[in-house]
Amino acid sequence: MSLKKFAPRREHKERGQLASRKKLGHLEKHKDYVLRARDYNDKQKQLKRLRERAAARNPDEFYFNMQRSQMVN
């Protein structure tokens, strides 16, 4: 059995932004995109969950604590 596959492999690095394209702004790397996309999707899931809870809520439900509490925007 070969031990070649257990040896550490060279990590592929992403290229930097060219100086001529610096004026176009920050170059987003793949790892930055993955973090941004994951964060966005988590927030969308949270909003969907809250919308589902609001839709399933019984409008006739009442607690006396609701009289003293205020809605916060």
Protein backbone atom coordinates (compact mmCIF):
# COMPACT_ATOMS: atom_id res chain seq x y z
CA MET A 1 0.00 0.00 0.00
CA SER A 2 1.36 3.37 -0.99
CA LEU A 3 1.76 6.13 1.58
CA LYS A 4 1.67 8.75 -1.16
CA LYS A 5 -1.96 9.67 -0.51
CA PHE A 6 -1.23 10.38 3.18
CA ALA A 7 1.51 12.89 2.42
CA PRO A 8 0.44 16.56 2.61
CA ARG A 9 -0.42 17.95 -0.78
CA ARG A 10 0.39 21.40 -2.09
CA GLU A 11 -2.44 23.82 -1.47
CA HIS A 12 -3.70 25.69 -4.53
CA LYS A 13 -3.66 29.41 -3.89
CA GLU A 14 -5.88 31.93 -5.59
CA ARG A 15 -4.27 34.65 -7.61
CA GLY A 16 -4.17 38.20 -6.36
CA GLN A 17 -5.82 41.10 -8.10
CA LEU A 18 -3.92 42.67 -10.97
CA ALA A 19 -2.71 46.23 -10.41
CA SER A 20 -4.49 47.36 -13.58
CA ARG A 21 -7.83 46.16 -12.18
CA LYS A 22 -7.32 47.73 -8.73
CA LYS A 23 -9.63 50.61 -9.69
CA LEU A 24 -12.57 48.18 -9.95
CA GLY A 25 -12.51 47.58 -6.21
CA HIS A 26 -11.97 44.62 -3.93
CA LEU A 27 -11.58 41.24 -5.63
CA GLU A 28 -13.75 38.72 -3.81
CA LYS A 29 -12.05 35.37 -3.33
CA HIS A 30 -13.93 32.07 -3.30
CA LYS A 31 -13.60 31.64 0.45
CA ASP A 32 -15.07 35.14 0.94
CA TYR A 33 -17.96 34.27 -1.35
CA VAL A 34 -18.62 31.02 0.53
CA LEU A 35 -18.80 32.87 3.86
CA ARG A 36 -21.07 35.56 2.43
CA ALA A 37 -23.36 33.01 0.73
CA ARG A 38 -23.58 30.84 3.86
CA ASP A 39 -24.44 33.87 5.99
CA TYR A 40 -27.10 35.00 3.50
CA ASN A 41 -28.68 31.55 3.34
CA ASP A 42 -28.75 31.25 7.13
CA LYS A 43 -30.54 34.60 7.37
CA GLN A 44 -33.05 33.56 4.69
CA LYS A 45 -33.77 30.31 6.56
CA GLN A 46 -34.31 32.27 9.78
CA LEU A 47 -36.73 34.66 8.05
CA LYS A 48 -38.61 31.75 6.47
CA ARG A 49 -38.90 30.05 9.86
CA LEU A 50 -40.24 33.26 11.43
CA ARG A 51 -42.76 33.74 8.60
CA GLU A 52 -43.99 30.17 9.03
CA ARG A 53 -44.40 30.66 12.78
CA ALA A 54 -46.30 33.91 12.21
CA ALA A 55 -48.58 32.22 9.67
CA ALA A 56 -49.28 29.30 12.02
CA ARG A 57 -50.00 31.58 14.97
CA ASN A 58 -53.53 31.58 16.33
CA PRO A 59 -54.88 35.17 16.09
CA ASP A 60 -57.35 34.49 18.92
CA GLU A 61 -54.58 33.54 21.32
CA PHE A 62 -54.24 35.95 24.22
CA TYR A 63 -52.05 36.25 27.31
CA PHE A 64 -52.32 38.98 29.94
CA ASN A 65 -48.61 39.62 29.55
CA MET A 66 -49.38 40.94 26.05
CA GLN A 67 -51.08 44.01 27.55
CA ARG A 68 -47.91 45.20 29.30
CA SER A 69 -45.39 44.37 26.56
CA GLN A 70 -44.62 46.65 23.66
CA MET A 71 -43.62 45.82 20.10
CA VAL A 72 -40.03 46.68 19.27
CA ASN A 73 -39.15 47.51 15.66
